[in-house]
Amino acid sequence: MADIPTTARPRSSAARVCTILGFVFAVLALFLSPLIFGVIGLILGIVGAVLGDKPLGWYAAAASVVGAILGYVIAMAIINS
């Protein structure tokens, strides 16, 4: 058979580090500053997915968005009570 090039990148350790940091920033967005840590976690999750950590990178990006939204809702509930 002929060697068919694949478009998928192999997973690197940098991809896994970005993904793990994306999850860490998702948790920080929930408790500290939703806007700052949510955006950073989103970026790191996307970078991790693009570098080859496909499913977990996208999950980290989604978790960062959810963490930012929940953190904002919690902050508004505390401020308005």
PDB file of N, CA and C in Angstrom:
ATOM      1  N   MET A   1       0.832  -1.182   0.000  1.00  0.00           N
ATOM      2  CA  MET A   1       0.000   0.000   0.000  1.00  0.00           C
ATOM      3  C   MET A   1       0.873   1.239   0.000  1.00  0.00           C
ATOM      4  N   ALA A   2       0.357   2.263  -0.569  1.00  0.00           N
ATOM      5  CA  ALA A   2       1.077   3.537  -0.606  1.00  0.00           C
ATOM      6  C   ALA A   2       0.946   4.236   0.736  1.00  0.00           C
ATOM      7  N   ASP A   3       1.977   4.985   1.076  1.00  0.00           N
ATOM      8  CA  ASP A   3       1.920   5.768   2.304  1.00  0.00           C
ATOM      9  C   ASP A   3       1.002   6.961   2.091  1.00  0.00           C
ATOM     10  N   ILE A   4      -0.068   6.974   2.830  1.00  0.00           N
ATOM     11  CA  ILE A   4      -1.034   8.070   2.733  1.00  0.00           C
ATOM     12  C   ILE A   4      -0.771   9.025   3.886  1.00  0.00           C
ATOM     13  N   PRO A   5      -0.457  10.267   3.572  1.00  0.00           N
ATOM     14  CA  PRO A   5      -0.203  11.207   4.666  1.00  0.00           C
ATOM     15  C   PRO A   5      -1.498  11.521   5.414  1.00  0.00           C
ATOM     16  N   THR A   6      -1.375  11.656   6.683  1.00  0.00           N
ATOM     17  CA  THR A   6      -2.527  11.971   7.511  1.00  0.00           C
ATOM     18  C   THR A   6      -2.484  13.441   7.899  1.00  0.00           C
ATOM     19  N   THR A   7      -3.635  14.028   8.081  1.00  0.00           N
ATOM     20  CA  THR A   7      -3.689  15.439   8.452  1.00  0.00           C
ATOM     21  C   THR A   7      -3.685  15.630   9.960  1.00  0.00           C
ATOM     22  N   ALA A   8      -3.883  14.558  10.717  1.00  0.00           N
ATOM     23  CA  ALA A   8      -3.895  14.673  12.167  1.00  0.00           C
ATOM     24  C   ALA A   8      -2.472  14.787  12.689  1.00  0.00           C
ATOM     25  N   ARG A   9      -2.298  15.698  13.616  1.00  0.00           N
ATOM     26  CA  ARG A   9      -0.982  15.854  14.228  1.00  0.00           C
ATOM     27  C   ARG A   9      -0.816  14.855  15.370  1.00  0.00           C
ATOM     28  N   PRO A  10       0.380  14.338  15.539  1.00  0.00           N
ATOM     29  CA  PRO A  10       0.588  13.471  16.697  1.00  0.00           C
ATOM     30  C   PRO A  10       0.563  14.308  17.978  1.00  0.00           C
ATOM     31  N   ARG A  11       0.072  13.712  19.040  1.00  0.00           N
ATOM     32  CA  ARG A  11      -0.021  14.430  20.305  1.00  0.00           C
ATOM     33  C   ARG A  11       1.370  14.634  20.891  1.00  0.00           C
ATOM     34  N   SER A  12       1.629  15.837  21.343  1.00  0.00           N
ATOM     35  CA  SER A  12       2.915  16.130  21.957  1.00  0.00           C
ATOM     36  C   SER A  12       2.702  16.410  23.438  1.00  0.00           C
ATOM     37  N   SER A  13       3.798  16.494  24.166  1.00  0.00           N
ATOM     38  CA  SER A  13       3.674  16.799  25.590  1.00  0.00           C
ATOM     39  C   SER A  13       3.237  18.246  25.784  1.00  0.00           C
ATOM     40  N   ALA A  14       3.576  19.136  24.853  1.00  0.00           N
ATOM     41  CA  ALA A  14       3.129  20.523  24.951  1.00  0.00           C
ATOM     42  C   ALA A  14       1.616  20.605  24.828  1.00  0.00           C
ATOM     43  N   ALA A  15       1.037  19.755  23.999  1.00  0.00           N
ATOM     44  CA  ALA A  15      -0.418  19.733  23.856  1.00  0.00           C
ATOM     45  C   ALA A  15      -1.071  19.296  25.157  1.00  0.00           C
ATOM     46  N   ARG A  16      -0.517  18.302  25.798  1.00  0.00           N
ATOM     47  CA  ARG A  16      -1.103  17.818  27.054  1.00  0.00           C
ATOM     48  C   ARG A  16      -0.964  18.874  28.152  1.00  0.00           C
ATOM     49  N   VAL A  17       0.167  19.577  28.189  1.00  0.00           N
ATOM     50  CA  VAL A  17       0.365  20.630  29.189  1.00  0.00           C
ATOM     51  C   VAL A  17      -0.654  21.745  28.985  1.00  0.00           C
ATOM     52  N   CYS A  18      -0.873  22.153  27.745  1.00  0.00           N
ATOM     53  CA  CYS A  18      -1.863  23.192  27.459  1.00  0.00           C
ATOM     54  C   CYS A  18      -3.260  22.739  27.860  1.00  0.00           C
ATOM     55  N   THR A  19      -3.579  21.490  27.619  1.00  0.00           N
ATOM     56  CA  THR A  19      -4.888  20.968  27.977  1.00  0.00           C
ATOM     57  C   THR A  19      -5.082  20.943  29.485  1.00  0.00           C
ATOM     58  N   ILE A  20      -4.088  20.485  30.218  1.00  0.00           N
ATOM     59  CA  ILE A  20      -4.187  20.440  31.675  1.00  0.00           C
ATOM     60  C   ILE A  20      -4.311  21.842  32.240  1.00  0.00           C
ATOM     61  N   LEU A  21      -3.525  22.771  31.719  1.00  0.00           N
ATOM     62  CA  LEU A  21      -3.628  24.150  32.178  1.00  0.00           C
ATOM     63  C   LEU A  21      -4.990  24.752  31.821  1.00  0.00           C
ATOM     64  N   GLY A  22      -5.559  24.335  30.710  1.00  0.00           N
ATOM     65  CA  GLY A  22      -6.901  24.785  30.356  1.00  0.00           C
ATOM     66  C   GLY A  22      -7.927  24.366  31.397  1.00  0.00           C
ATOM     67  N   PHE A  23      -7.831  23.119  31.876  1.00  0.00           N
ATOM     68  CA  PHE A  23      -8.732  22.658  32.929  1.00  0.00           C
ATOM     69  C   PHE A  23      -8.483  23.391  34.248  1.00  0.00           C
ATOM     70  N   VAL A  24      -7.220  23.655  34.564  1.00  0.00           N
ATOM     71  CA  VAL A  24      -6.894  24.383  35.791  1.00  0.00           C
ATOM     72  C   VAL A  24      -7.487  25.792  35.739  1.00  0.00           C
ATOM     73  N   PHE A  25      -7.341  26.459  34.595  1.00  0.00           N
ATOM     74  CA  PHE A  25      -7.897  27.801  34.469  1.00  0.00           C
ATOM     75  C   PHE A  25      -9.423  27.776  34.451  1.00  0.00           C
ATOM     76  N   ALA A  26     -10.032  26.691  34.028  1.00  0.00           N
ATOM     77  CA  ALA A  26     -11.492  26.568  34.094  1.00  0.00           C
ATOM     78  C   ALA A  26     -11.962  26.572  35.547  1.00  0.00           C
ATOM     79  N   VAL A  27     -11.237  25.866  36.408  1.00  0.00           N
ATOM     80  CA  VAL A  27     -11.580  25.847  37.829  1.00  0.00           C
ATOM     81  C   VAL A  27     -11.319  27.214  38.456  1.00  0.00           C
ATOM     82  N   LEU A  28     -10.213  27.846  38.087  1.00  0.00           N
ATOM     83  CA  LEU A  28      -9.916  29.177  38.608  1.00  0.00           C
ATOM     84  C   LEU A  28     -10.961  30.188  38.153  1.00  0.00           C
ATOM     85  N   ALA A  29     -11.484  30.026  36.949  1.00  0.00           N
ATOM     86  CA  ALA A  29     -12.537  30.921  36.458  1.00  0.00           C
ATOM     87  C   ALA A  29     -13.798  30.771  37.286  1.00  0.00           C
ATOM     88  N   LEU A  30     -14.023  29.596  37.787  1.00  0.00           N
ATOM     89  CA  LEU A  30     -15.211  29.362  38.598  1.00  0.00           C
ATOM     90  C   LEU A  30     -15.116  30.082  39.936  1.00  0.00           C
ATOM     91  N   PHE A  31     -13.928  30.159  40.528  1.00  0.00           N
ATOM     92  CA  PHE A  31     -13.795  30.685  41.878  1.00  0.00           C
ATOM     93  C   PHE A  31     -13.187  32.083  41.967  1.00  0.00           C
ATOM     94  N   LEU A  32     -12.350  32.475  41.025  1.00  0.00           N
ATOM     95  CA  LEU A  32     -11.657  33.748  41.176  1.00  0.00           C
ATOM     96  C   LEU A  32     -12.175  34.810  40.211  1.00  0.00           C
ATOM     97  N   SER A  33     -11.597  34.896  39.045  1.00  0.00           N
ATOM     98  CA  SER A  33     -11.980  35.910  38.067  1.00  0.00           C
ATOM     99  C   SER A  33     -12.475  35.226  36.801  1.00  0.00           C
ATOM    100  N   PRO A  34     -13.780  35.194  36.604  1.00  0.00           N
ATOM    101  CA  PRO A  34     -14.325  34.431  35.481  1.00  0.00           C
ATOM    102  C   PRO A  34     -13.858  34.930  34.113  1.00  0.00           C
ATOM    103  N   LEU A  35     -13.799  36.222  33.938  1.00  0.00           N
ATOM    104  CA  LEU A  35     -13.452  36.746  32.623  1.00  0.00           C
ATOM    105  C   LEU A  35     -12.007  36.426  32.245  1.00  0.00           C
ATOM    106  N   ILE A  36     -11.089  36.730  33.116  1.00  0.00           N
ATOM    107  CA  ILE A  36      -9.659  36.548  32.801  1.00  0.00           C
ATOM    108  C   ILE A  36      -9.309  35.072  32.667  1.00  0.00           C
ATOM    109  N   PHE A  37      -9.629  34.285  33.686  1.00  0.00           N
ATOM    110  CA  PHE A  37      -9.240  32.882  33.674  1.00  0.00           C
ATOM    111  C   PHE A  37     -10.056  32.065  32.675  1.00  0.00           C
ATOM    112  N   GLY A  38     -11.288  32.465  32.423  1.00  0.00           N
ATOM    113  CA  GLY A  38     -12.091  31.778  31.416  1.00  0.00           C
ATOM    114  C   GLY A  38     -11.523  31.931  30.018  1.00  0.00           C
ATOM    115  N   VAL A  39     -11.104  33.148  29.683  1.00  0.00           N
ATOM    116  CA  VAL A  39     -10.526  33.390  28.357  1.00  0.00           C
ATOM    117  C   VAL A  39      -9.186  32.680  28.212  1.00  0.00           C
ATOM    118  N   ILE A  40      -8.358  32.745  29.248  1.00  0.00           N
ATOM    119  CA  ILE A  40      -7.056  32.058  29.189  1.00  0.00           C
ATOM    120  C   ILE A  40      -7.251  30.552  29.049  1.00  0.00           C
ATOM    121  N   GLY A  41      -8.185  29.986  29.805  1.00  0.00           N
ATOM    122  CA  GLY A  41      -8.468  28.556  29.708  1.00  0.00           C
ATOM    123  C   GLY A  41      -9.004  28.171  28.340  1.00  0.00           C
ATOM    124  N   LEU A  42      -9.850  29.020  27.770  1.00  0.00           N
ATOM    125  CA  LEU A  42     -10.376  28.774  26.423  1.00  0.00           C
ATOM    126  C   LEU A  42      -9.251  28.736  25.400  1.00  0.00           C
ATOM    127  N   ILE A  43      -8.360  29.702  25.480  1.00  0.00           N
ATOM    128  CA  ILE A  43      -7.234  29.753  24.538  1.00  0.00           C
ATOM    129  C   ILE A  43      -6.334  28.536  24.704  1.00  0.00           C
ATOM    130  N   LEU A  44      -6.015  28.177  25.941  1.00  0.00           N
ATOM    131  CA  LEU A  44      -5.144  27.020  26.169  1.00  0.00           C
ATOM    132  C   LEU A  44      -5.800  25.719  25.727  1.00  0.00           C
ATOM    133  N   GLY A  45      -7.099  25.590  25.913  1.00  0.00           N
ATOM    134  CA  GLY A  45      -7.803  24.400  25.444  1.00  0.00           C
ATOM    135  C   GLY A  45      -7.774  24.276  23.936  1.00  0.00           C
ATOM    136  N   ILE A  46      -7.980  25.395  23.246  1.00  0.00           N
ATOM    137  CA  ILE A  46      -7.934  25.378  21.784  1.00  0.00           C
ATOM    138  C   ILE A  46      -6.521  25.073  21.295  1.00  0.00           C
ATOM    139  N   VAL A  47      -5.519  25.668  21.929  1.00  0.00           N
ATOM    140  CA  VAL A  47      -4.132  25.393  21.535  1.00  0.00           C
ATOM    141  C   VAL A  47      -3.800  23.922  21.756  1.00  0.00           C
ATOM    142  N   GLY A  48      -4.242  23.365  22.887  1.00  0.00           N
ATOM    143  CA  GLY A  48      -4.006  21.946  23.144  1.00  0.00           C
ATOM    144  C   GLY A  48      -4.656  21.060  22.104  1.00  0.00           C
ATOM    145  N   ALA A  49      -5.878  21.411  21.689  1.00  0.00           N
ATOM    146  CA  ALA A  49      -6.568  20.619  20.671  1.00  0.00           C
ATOM    147  C   ALA A  49      -5.882  20.729  19.319  1.00  0.00           C
ATOM    148  N   VAL A  50      -5.429  21.916  18.964  1.00  0.00           N
ATOM    149  CA  VAL A  50      -4.769  22.112  17.672  1.00  0.00           C
ATOM    150  C   VAL A  50      -3.419  21.401  17.634  1.00  0.00           C
ATOM    151  N   LEU A  51      -2.741  21.350  18.778  1.00  0.00           N
ATOM    152  CA  LEU A  51      -1.441  20.687  18.822  1.00  0.00           C
ATOM    153  C   LEU A  51      -1.546  19.162  18.832  1.00  0.00           C
ATOM    154  N   GLY A  52      -2.760  18.623  18.969  1.00  0.00           N
ATOM    155  CA  GLY A  52      -2.893  17.176  18.844  1.00  0.00           C
ATOM    156  C   GLY A  52      -3.641  16.481  19.954  1.00  0.00           C
ATOM    157  N   ASP A  53      -3.960  17.165  21.020  1.00  0.00           N
ATOM    158  CA  ASP A  53      -4.701  16.542  22.115  1.00  0.00           C
ATOM    159  C   ASP A  53      -6.188  16.778  21.867  1.00  0.00           C
ATOM    160  N   LYS A  54      -6.702  16.103  20.822  1.00  0.00           N
ATOM    161  CA  LYS A  54      -8.009  16.429  20.262  1.00  0.00           C
ATOM    162  C   LYS A  54      -9.172  16.394  21.242  1.00  0.00           C
ATOM    163  N   PRO A  55      -9.547  15.289  21.797  1.00  0.00           N
ATOM    164  CA  PRO A  55     -10.790  15.357  22.577  1.00  0.00           C
ATOM    165  C   PRO A  55     -10.643  16.174  23.857  1.00  0.00           C
ATOM    166  N   LEU A  56      -9.555  15.986  24.576  1.00  0.00           N
ATOM    167  CA  LEU A  56      -9.412  16.674  25.854  1.00  0.00           C
ATOM    168  C   LEU A  56      -9.186  18.174  25.687  1.00  0.00           C
ATOM    169  N   GLY A  57      -8.533  18.585  24.626  1.00  0.00           N
ATOM    170  CA  GLY A  57      -8.329  20.011  24.387  1.00  0.00           C
ATOM    171  C   GLY A  57      -9.643  20.739  24.192  1.00  0.00           C
ATOM    172  N   TRP A  58     -10.542  20.139  23.411  1.00  0.00           N
ATOM    173  CA  TRP A  58     -11.849  20.759  23.200  1.00  0.00           C
ATOM    174  C   TRP A  58     -12.679  20.719  24.473  1.00  0.00           C
ATOM    175  N   TYR A  59     -12.536  19.657  25.270  1.00  0.00           N
ATOM    176  CA  TYR A  59     -13.252  19.600  26.540  1.00  0.00           C
ATOM    177  C   TYR A  59     -12.751  20.685  27.497  1.00  0.00           C
ATOM    178  N   ALA A  60     -11.456  20.936  27.494  1.00  0.00           N
ATOM    179  CA  ALA A  60     -10.897  21.985  28.349  1.00  0.00           C
ATOM    180  C   ALA A  60     -11.415  23.355  27.924  1.00  0.00           C
ATOM    181  N   ALA A  61     -11.492  23.581  26.614  1.00  0.00           N
ATOM    182  CA  ALA A  61     -12.021  24.854  26.123  1.00  0.00           C
ATOM    183  C   ALA A  61     -13.482  25.020  26.542  1.00  0.00           C
ATOM    184  N   ALA A  62     -14.270  23.975  26.398  1.00  0.00           N
ATOM    185  CA  ALA A  62     -15.683  24.046  26.796  1.00  0.00           C
ATOM    186  C   ALA A  62     -15.822  24.216  28.307  1.00  0.00           C
ATOM    187  N   ALA A  63     -14.987  23.520  29.069  1.00  0.00           N
ATOM    188  CA  ALA A  63     -15.041  23.639  30.526  1.00  0.00           C
ATOM    189  C   ALA A  63     -14.682  25.053  30.973  1.00  0.00           C
ATOM    190  N   SER A  64     -13.786  25.705  30.265  1.00  0.00           N
ATOM    191  CA  SER A  64     -13.417  27.071  30.602  1.00  0.00           C
ATOM    192  C   SER A  64     -14.574  28.033  30.357  1.00  0.00           C
ATOM    193  N   VAL A  65     -15.287  27.823  29.268  1.00  0.00           N
ATOM    194  CA  VAL A  65     -16.451  28.666  28.991  1.00  0.00           C
ATOM    195  C   VAL A  65     -17.525  28.442  30.046  1.00  0.00           C
ATOM    196  N   VAL A  66     -17.794  27.191  30.378  1.00  0.00           N
ATOM    197  CA  VAL A  66     -18.794  26.878  31.399  1.00  0.00           C
ATOM    198  C   VAL A  66     -18.361  27.422  32.756  1.00  0.00           C
ATOM    199  N   GLY A  67     -17.078  27.276  33.094  1.00  0.00           N
ATOM    200  CA  GLY A  67     -16.565  27.804  34.355  1.00  0.00           C
ATOM    201  C   GLY A  67     -16.679  29.311  34.440  1.00  0.00           C
ATOM    202  N   ALA A  68     -16.425  29.991  33.327  1.00  0.00           N
ATOM    203  CA  ALA A  68     -16.541  31.448  33.304  1.00  0.00           C
ATOM    204  C   ALA A  68     -17.999  31.872  33.486  1.00  0.00           C
ATOM    205  N   ILE A  69     -18.913  31.197  32.814  1.00  0.00           N
ATOM    206  CA  ILE A  69     -20.333  31.547  32.942  1.00  0.00           C
ATOM    207  C   ILE A  69     -20.837  31.276  34.357  1.00  0.00           C
ATOM    208  N   LEU A  70     -20.499  30.105  34.898  1.00  0.00           N
ATOM    209  CA  LEU A  70     -20.934  29.786  36.261  1.00  0.00           C
ATOM    210  C   LEU A  70     -20.289  30.714  37.293  1.00  0.00           C
ATOM    211  N   GLY A  71     -19.022  31.042  37.081  1.00  0.00           N
ATOM    212  CA  GLY A  71     -18.348  31.976  37.986  1.00  0.00           C
ATOM    213  C   GLY A  71     -18.998  33.350  37.969  1.00  0.00           C
ATOM    214  N   TYR A  72     -19.399  33.794  36.783  1.00  0.00           N
ATOM    215  CA  TYR A  72     -20.084  35.082  36.663  1.00  0.00           C
ATOM    216  C   TYR A  72     -21.441  35.031  37.358  1.00  0.00           C
ATOM    217  N   VAL A  73     -22.182  33.943  37.169  1.00  0.00           N
ATOM    218  CA  VAL A  73     -23.499  33.809  37.807  1.00  0.00           C
ATOM    219  C   VAL A  73     -23.359  33.775  39.326  1.00  0.00           C
ATOM    220  N   ILE A  74     -22.388  33.043  39.834  1.00  0.00           N
ATOM    221  CA  ILE A  74     -22.152  32.977  41.272  1.00  0.00           C
ATOM    222  C   ILE A  74     -21.758  34.345  41.818  1.00  0.00           C
ATOM    223  N   ALA A  75     -20.888  35.046  41.106  1.00  0.00           N
ATOM    224  CA  ALA A  75     -20.468  36.380  41.558  1.00  0.00           C
ATOM    225  C   ALA A  75     -21.643  37.344  41.591  1.00  0.00           C
ATOM    226  N   MET A  76     -22.508  37.283  40.581  1.00  0.00           N
ATOM    227  CA  MET A  76     -23.675  38.167  40.569  1.00  0.00           C
ATOM    228  C   MET A  76     -24.658  37.804  41.681  1.00  0.00           C
ATOM    229  N   ALA A  77     -24.782  36.510  41.976  1.00  0.00           N
ATOM    230  CA  ALA A  77     -25.668  36.099  43.060  1.00  0.00           C
ATOM    231  C   ALA A  77     -25.151  36.582  44.422  1.00  0.00           C
ATOM    232  N   ILE A  78     -23.843  36.554  44.596  1.00  0.00           N
ATOM    233  CA  ILE A  78     -23.255  37.013  45.859  1.00  0.00           C
ATOM    234  C   ILE A  78     -23.373  38.524  45.977  1.00  0.00           C
ATOM    235  N   ILE A  79     -23.127  39.230  44.894  1.00  0.00           N
ATOM    236  CA  ILE A  79     -23.189  40.692  44.932  1.00  0.00           C
ATOM    237  C   ILE A  79     -24.621  41.177  45.159  1.00  0.00           C
ATOM    238  N   ASN A  80     -25.601  40.546  44.553  1.00  0.00           N
ATOM    239  CA  ASN A  80     -26.985  40.993  44.650  1.00  0.00           C
ATOM    240  C   ASN A  80     -27.721  40.508  45.894  1.00  0.00           C
ATOM    241  N   SER A  81     -27.102  39.661  46.680  1.00  0.00           N
ATOM    242  CA  SER A  81     -27.807  39.164  47.857  1.00  0.00           C
ATOM    243  C   SER A  81     -27.570  40.015  49.091  1.00  0.00           C
TER     244      SER A  81
END
